[in-house]
Amino acid sequence: MRNVLTHEYLEVDLGRVADAIPHALHGYRRFVQAVASFLESPLSAPDGSGANPLPGPTAED
């Protein structure tokens, strides 16, 4: 949808845009909640004391 609006590939169907808004807002809300959960988790501790979410060697290895 963004490419259609940004690059004017097609005539804009305002009905489709209006129908897409609730879905986009739901997805954005889920994204914000996921980011907030990550930032509040020990994984994102600024002192590095959280668990390493990535596979591979750690500082303790």
PDB file of N, CA and C in Angstrom:
ATOM      1  N   MET A   1       0.830  -1.187   0.000  1.00  0.00           N
ATOM      2  CA  MET A   1       0.000   0.000   0.000  1.00  0.00           C
ATOM      3  C   MET A   1       0.878   1.256   0.000  1.00  0.00           C
ATOM      4  N   ARG A   2       1.945   1.264   0.801  1.00  0.00           N
ATOM      5  CA  ARG A   2       2.798   2.449   0.878  1.00  0.00           C
ATOM      6  C   ARG A   2       3.399   2.786  -0.480  1.00  0.00           C
ATOM      7  N   ASN A   3       3.862   1.756  -1.213  1.00  0.00           N
ATOM      8  CA  ASN A   3       4.475   2.018  -2.518  1.00  0.00           C
ATOM      9  C   ASN A   3       3.481   2.618  -3.495  1.00  0.00           C
ATOM     10  N   VAL A   4       2.250   2.160  -3.428  1.00  0.00           N
ATOM     11  CA  VAL A   4       1.227   2.710  -4.314  1.00  0.00           C
ATOM     12  C   VAL A   4       1.039   4.189  -4.019  1.00  0.00           C
ATOM     13  N   LEU A   5       0.955   4.534  -2.737  1.00  0.00           N
ATOM     14  CA  LEU A   5       0.755   5.932  -2.365  1.00  0.00           C
ATOM     15  C   LEU A   5       2.000   6.776  -2.635  1.00  0.00           C
ATOM     16  N   THR A   6       3.157   6.253  -2.275  1.00  0.00           N
ATOM     17  CA  THR A   6       4.399   7.021  -2.384  1.00  0.00           C
ATOM     18  C   THR A   6       4.813   7.240  -3.829  1.00  0.00           C
ATOM     19  N   HIS A   7       4.729   6.202  -4.627  1.00  0.00           N
ATOM     20  CA  HIS A   7       5.248   6.273  -5.987  1.00  0.00           C
ATOM     21  C   HIS A   7       4.152   6.464  -7.029  1.00  0.00           C
ATOM     22  N   GLU A   8       2.911   6.607  -6.581  1.00  0.00           N
ATOM     23  CA  GLU A   8       1.780   6.862  -7.468  1.00  0.00           C
ATOM     24  C   GLU A   8       1.702   5.842  -8.604  1.00  0.00           C
ATOM     25  N   TYR A   9       1.873   4.547  -8.254  1.00  0.00           N
ATOM     26  CA  TYR A   9       1.799   3.500  -9.270  1.00  0.00           C
ATOM     27  C   TYR A   9       0.405   3.400  -9.890  1.00  0.00           C
ATOM     28  N   LEU A  10      -0.584   3.622  -9.082  1.00  0.00           N
ATOM     29  CA  LEU A  10      -1.968   3.471  -9.516  1.00  0.00           C
ATOM     30  C   LEU A  10      -2.791   4.628  -8.983  1.00  0.00           C
ATOM     31  N   GLU A  11      -4.010   4.728  -9.471  1.00  0.00           N
ATOM     32  CA  GLU A  11      -4.921   5.671  -8.833  1.00  0.00           C
ATOM     33  C   GLU A  11      -5.223   5.143  -7.443  1.00  0.00           C
ATOM     34  N   VAL A  12      -5.314   6.027  -6.478  1.00  0.00           N
ATOM     35  CA  VAL A  12      -5.531   5.623  -5.096  1.00  0.00           C
ATOM     36  C   VAL A  12      -7.015   5.364  -4.873  1.00  0.00           C
ATOM     37  N   ASP A  13      -7.326   4.165  -4.394  1.00  0.00           N
ATOM     38  CA  ASP A  13      -8.690   3.792  -4.027  1.00  0.00           C
ATOM     39  C   ASP A  13      -8.859   4.115  -2.546  1.00  0.00           C
ATOM     40  N   LEU A  14      -9.540   5.215  -2.255  1.00  0.00           N
ATOM     41  CA  LEU A  14      -9.668   5.664  -0.869  1.00  0.00           C
ATOM     42  C   LEU A  14     -10.389   4.641   0.005  1.00  0.00           C
ATOM     43  N   GLY A  15     -11.255   3.848  -0.561  1.00  0.00           N
ATOM     44  CA  GLY A  15     -11.922   2.790   0.199  1.00  0.00           C
ATOM     45  C   GLY A  15     -10.932   1.742   0.680  1.00  0.00           C
ATOM     46  N   ARG A  16     -10.004   1.378  -0.191  1.00  0.00           N
ATOM     47  CA  ARG A  16      -8.969   0.405   0.205  1.00  0.00           C
ATOM     48  C   ARG A  16      -8.062   0.985   1.273  1.00  0.00           C
ATOM     49  N   VAL A  17      -7.725   2.256   1.134  1.00  0.00           N
ATOM     50  CA  VAL A  17      -6.885   2.902   2.143  1.00  0.00           C
ATOM     51  C   VAL A  17      -7.605   2.890   3.485  1.00  0.00           C
ATOM     52  N   ALA A  18      -8.872   3.266   3.487  1.00  0.00           N
ATOM     53  CA  ALA A  18      -9.650   3.289   4.730  1.00  0.00           C
ATOM     54  C   ALA A  18      -9.755   1.894   5.333  1.00  0.00           C
ATOM     55  N   ASP A  19      -9.917   0.869   4.501  1.00  0.00           N
ATOM     56  CA  ASP A  19      -9.997  -0.507   5.002  1.00  0.00           C
ATOM     57  C   ASP A  19      -8.663  -0.976   5.582  1.00  0.00           C
ATOM     58  N   ALA A  20      -7.550  -0.472   5.060  1.00  0.00           N
ATOM     59  CA  ALA A  20      -6.226  -0.910   5.508  1.00  0.00           C
ATOM     60  C   ALA A  20      -5.815  -0.285   6.836  1.00  0.00           C
ATOM     61  N   ILE A  21      -6.367   0.853   7.185  1.00  0.00           N
ATOM     62  CA  ILE A  21      -5.933   1.574   8.389  1.00  0.00           C
ATOM     63  C   ILE A  21      -6.076   0.748   9.663  1.00  0.00           C
ATOM     64  N   PRO A  22      -7.227   0.110   9.942  1.00  0.00           N
ATOM     65  CA  PRO A  22      -7.321  -0.672  11.190  1.00  0.00           C
ATOM     66  C   PRO A  22      -6.293  -1.794  11.265  1.00  0.00           C
ATOM     67  N   HIS A  23      -6.009  -2.442  10.145  1.00  0.00           N
ATOM     68  CA  HIS A  23      -5.018  -3.522  10.127  1.00  0.00           C
ATOM     69  C   HIS A  23      -3.621  -2.966  10.398  1.00  0.00           C
ATOM     70  N   ALA A  24      -3.315  -1.823   9.805  1.00  0.00           N
ATOM     71  CA  ALA A  24      -2.005  -1.202  10.019  1.00  0.00           C
ATOM     72  C   ALA A  24      -1.851  -0.781  11.473  1.00  0.00           C
ATOM     73  N   LEU A  25      -2.897  -0.219  12.053  1.00  0.00           N
ATOM     74  CA  LEU A  25      -2.828   0.209  13.452  1.00  0.00           C
ATOM     75  C   LEU A  25      -2.643  -0.978  14.384  1.00  0.00           C
ATOM     76  N   HIS A  26      -3.318  -2.092  14.078  1.00  0.00           N
ATOM     77  CA  HIS A  26      -3.176  -3.292  14.909  1.00  0.00           C
ATOM     78  C   HIS A  26      -1.733  -3.799  14.842  1.00  0.00           C
ATOM     79  N   GLY A  27      -1.175  -3.852  13.649  1.00  0.00           N
ATOM     80  CA  GLY A  27       0.205  -4.296  13.493  1.00  0.00           C
ATOM     81  C   GLY A  27       1.177  -3.363  14.183  1.00  0.00           C
ATOM     82  N   TYR A  28       0.934  -2.065  14.094  1.00  0.00           N
ATOM     83  CA  TYR A  28       1.812  -1.094  14.744  1.00  0.00           C
ATOM     84  C   TYR A  28       1.725  -1.234  16.258  1.00  0.00           C
ATOM     85  N   ARG A  29       0.520  -1.429  16.769  1.00  0.00           N
ATOM     86  CA  ARG A  29       0.329  -1.604  18.217  1.00  0.00           C
ATOM     87  C   ARG A  29       1.100  -2.831  18.701  1.00  0.00           C
ATOM     88  N   ARG A  30       1.026  -3.933  17.960  1.00  0.00           N
ATOM     89  CA  ARG A  30       1.756  -5.152  18.336  1.00  0.00           C
ATOM     90  C   ARG A  30       3.262  -4.914  18.303  1.00  0.00           C
ATOM     91  N   PHE A  31       3.746  -4.174  17.307  1.00  0.00           N
ATOM     92  CA  PHE A  31       5.167  -3.871  17.199  1.00  0.00           C
ATOM     93  C   PHE A  31       5.635  -3.046  18.401  1.00  0.00           C
ATOM     94  N   VAL A  32       4.881  -2.019  18.756  1.00  0.00           N
ATOM     95  CA  VAL A  32       5.248  -1.165  19.891  1.00  0.00           C
ATOM     96  C   VAL A  32       5.263  -1.979  21.181  1.00  0.00           C
ATOM     97  N   GLN A  33       4.285  -2.872  21.356  1.00  0.00           N
ATOM     98  CA  GLN A  33       4.250  -3.712  22.557  1.00  0.00           C
ATOM     99  C   GLN A  33       5.465  -4.636  22.606  1.00  0.00           C
ATOM    100  N   ALA A  34       5.853  -5.193  21.468  1.00  0.00           N
ATOM    101  CA  ALA A  34       7.016  -6.088  21.431  1.00  0.00           C
ATOM    102  C   ALA A  34       8.298  -5.328  21.768  1.00  0.00           C
ATOM    103  N   VAL A  35       8.451  -4.127  21.237  1.00  0.00           N
ATOM    104  CA  VAL A  35       9.637  -3.322  21.539  1.00  0.00           C
ATOM    105  C   VAL A  35       9.659  -2.958  23.013  1.00  0.00           C
ATOM    106  N   ALA A  36       8.515  -2.546  23.556  1.00  0.00           N
ATOM    107  CA  ALA A  36       8.446  -2.183  24.976  1.00  0.00           C
ATOM    108  C   ALA A  36       8.783  -3.379  25.856  1.00  0.00           C
ATOM    109  N   SER A  37       8.271  -4.555  25.513  1.00  0.00           N
ATOM    110  CA  SER A  37       8.575  -5.760  26.292  1.00  0.00           C
ATOM    111  C   SER A  37      10.062  -6.068  26.259  1.00  0.00           C
ATOM    112  N   PHE A  38      10.680  -5.929  25.086  1.00  0.00           N
ATOM    113  CA  PHE A  38      12.113  -6.189  24.983  1.00  0.00           C
ATOM    114  C   PHE A  38      12.907  -5.200  25.827  1.00  0.00           C
ATOM    115  N   LEU A  39      12.544  -3.927  25.736  1.00  0.00           N
ATOM    116  CA  LEU A  39      13.286  -2.907  26.478  1.00  0.00           C
ATOM    117  C   LEU A  39      13.154  -3.071  27.986  1.00  0.00           C
ATOM    118  N   GLU A  40      12.051  -3.657  28.428  1.00  0.00           N
ATOM    119  CA  GLU A  40      11.838  -3.870  29.857  1.00  0.00           C
ATOM    120  C   GLU A  40      12.437  -5.189  30.341  1.00  0.00           C
ATOM    121  N   SER A  41      12.909  -6.022  29.423  1.00  0.00           N
ATOM    122  CA  SER A  41      13.422  -7.340  29.792  1.00  0.00           C
ATOM    123  C   SER A  41      14.882  -7.262  30.217  1.00  0.00           C
ATOM    124  N   PRO A  42      15.348  -8.276  30.958  1.00  0.00           N
ATOM    125  CA  PRO A  42      16.761  -8.311  31.349  1.00  0.00           C
ATOM    126  C   PRO A  42      17.707  -8.415  30.154  1.00  0.00           C
ATOM    127  N   LEU A  43      17.200  -8.865  29.008  1.00  0.00           N
ATOM    128  CA  LEU A  43      18.049  -8.996  27.824  1.00  0.00           C
ATOM    129  C   LEU A  43      18.618  -7.650  27.397  1.00  0.00           C
ATOM    130  N   SER A  44      17.918  -6.588  27.719  1.00  0.00           N
ATOM    131  CA  SER A  44      18.363  -5.280  27.261  1.00  0.00           C
ATOM    132  C   SER A  44      19.024  -4.476  28.377  1.00  0.00           C
ATOM    133  N   ALA A  45      19.494  -5.137  29.419  1.00  0.00           N
ATOM    134  CA  ALA A  45      20.142  -4.435  30.532  1.00  0.00           C
ATOM    135  C   ALA A  45      21.368  -3.680  30.027  1.00  0.00           C
ATOM    136  N   PRO A  46      21.472  -2.381  30.326  1.00  0.00           N
ATOM    137  CA  PRO A  46      22.588  -1.593  29.802  1.00  0.00           C
ATOM    138  C   PRO A  46      23.959  -2.045  30.304  1.00  0.00           C
ATOM    139  N   ASP A  47      24.004  -2.733  31.448  1.00  0.00           N
ATOM    140  CA  ASP A  47      25.298  -3.178  31.969  1.00  0.00           C
ATOM    141  C   ASP A  47      25.713  -4.532  31.398  1.00  0.00           C
ATOM    142  N   GLY A  48      24.899  -5.066  30.488  1.00  0.00           N
ATOM    143  CA  GLY A  48      25.229  -6.336  29.863  1.00  0.00           C
ATOM    144  C   GLY A  48      24.970  -7.541  30.740  1.00  0.00           C
ATOM    145  N   SER A  49      24.274  -7.351  31.852  1.00  0.00           N
ATOM    146  CA  SER A  49      24.040  -8.465  32.769  1.00  0.00           C
ATOM    147  C   SER A  49      22.930  -9.397  32.303  1.00  0.00           C
ATOM    148  N   GLY A  50      22.193  -9.017  31.273  1.00  0.00           N
ATOM    149  CA  GLY A  50      21.112  -9.863  30.787  1.00  0.00           C
ATOM    150  C   GLY A  50      21.644 -11.058  30.028  1.00  0.00           C
ATOM    151  N   ALA A  51      20.773 -12.022  29.785  1.00  0.00           N
ATOM    152  CA  ALA A  51      21.154 -13.207  29.018  1.00  0.00           C
ATOM    153  C   ALA A  51      21.444 -12.799  27.580  1.00  0.00           C
ATOM    154  N   ASN A  52      22.344 -13.501  26.946  1.00  0.00           N
ATOM    155  CA  ASN A  52      22.680 -13.229  25.557  1.00  0.00           C
ATOM    156  C   ASN A  52      21.620 -13.881  24.673  1.00  0.00           C
ATOM    157  N   PRO A  53      20.819 -13.091  23.913  1.00  0.00           N
ATOM    158  CA  PRO A  53      19.772 -13.679  23.078  1.00  0.00           C
ATOM    159  C   PRO A  53      20.315 -14.295  21.797  1.00  0.00           C
ATOM    160  N   LEU A  54      21.598 -14.061  21.499  1.00  0.00           N
ATOM    161  CA  LEU A  54      22.176 -14.561  20.260  1.00  0.00           C
ATOM    162  C   LEU A  54      23.007 -15.811  20.510  1.00  0.00           C
ATOM    163  N   PRO A  55      22.963 -16.764  19.580  1.00  0.00           N
ATOM    164  CA  PRO A  55      23.791 -17.961  19.748  1.00  0.00           C
ATOM    165  C   PRO A  55      25.259 -17.613  19.544  1.00  0.00           C
ATOM    166  N   GLY A  56      26.112 -18.440  20.073  1.00  0.00           N
ATOM    167  CA  GLY A  56      27.537 -18.235  19.872  1.00  0.00           C
ATOM    168  C   GLY A  56      28.255 -17.989  21.175  1.00  0.00           C
ATOM    169  N   PRO A  57      29.553 -17.737  21.098  1.00  0.00           N
ATOM    170  CA  PRO A  57      30.349 -17.547  22.318  1.00  0.00           C
ATOM    171  C   PRO A  57      29.937 -16.289  23.070  1.00  0.00           C
ATOM    172  N   THR A  58      30.108 -16.326  24.361  1.00  0.00           N
ATOM    173  CA  THR A  58      29.827 -15.173  25.211  1.00  0.00           C
ATOM    174  C   THR A  58      31.113 -14.743  25.890  1.00  0.00           C
ATOM    175  N   ALA A  59      31.058 -13.664  26.647  1.00  0.00           N
ATOM    176  CA  ALA A  59      32.242 -13.169  27.356  1.00  0.00           C
ATOM    177  C   ALA A  59      32.731 -14.191  28.371  1.00  0.00           C
ATOM    178  N   GLU A  60      31.806 -15.025  28.884  1.00  0.00           N
ATOM    179  CA  GLU A  60      32.178 -16.027  29.885  1.00  0.00           C
ATOM    180  C   GLU A  60      32.886 -17.227  29.275  1.00  0.00           C
ATOM    181  N   ASP A  61      32.757 -17.421  27.944  1.00  0.00           N
ATOM    182  CA  ASP A  61      33.350 -18.595  27.275  1.00  0.00           C
ATOM    183  C   ASP A  61      34.844 -18.476  27.153  1.00  0.00           C
TER     184      ASP A  61
END
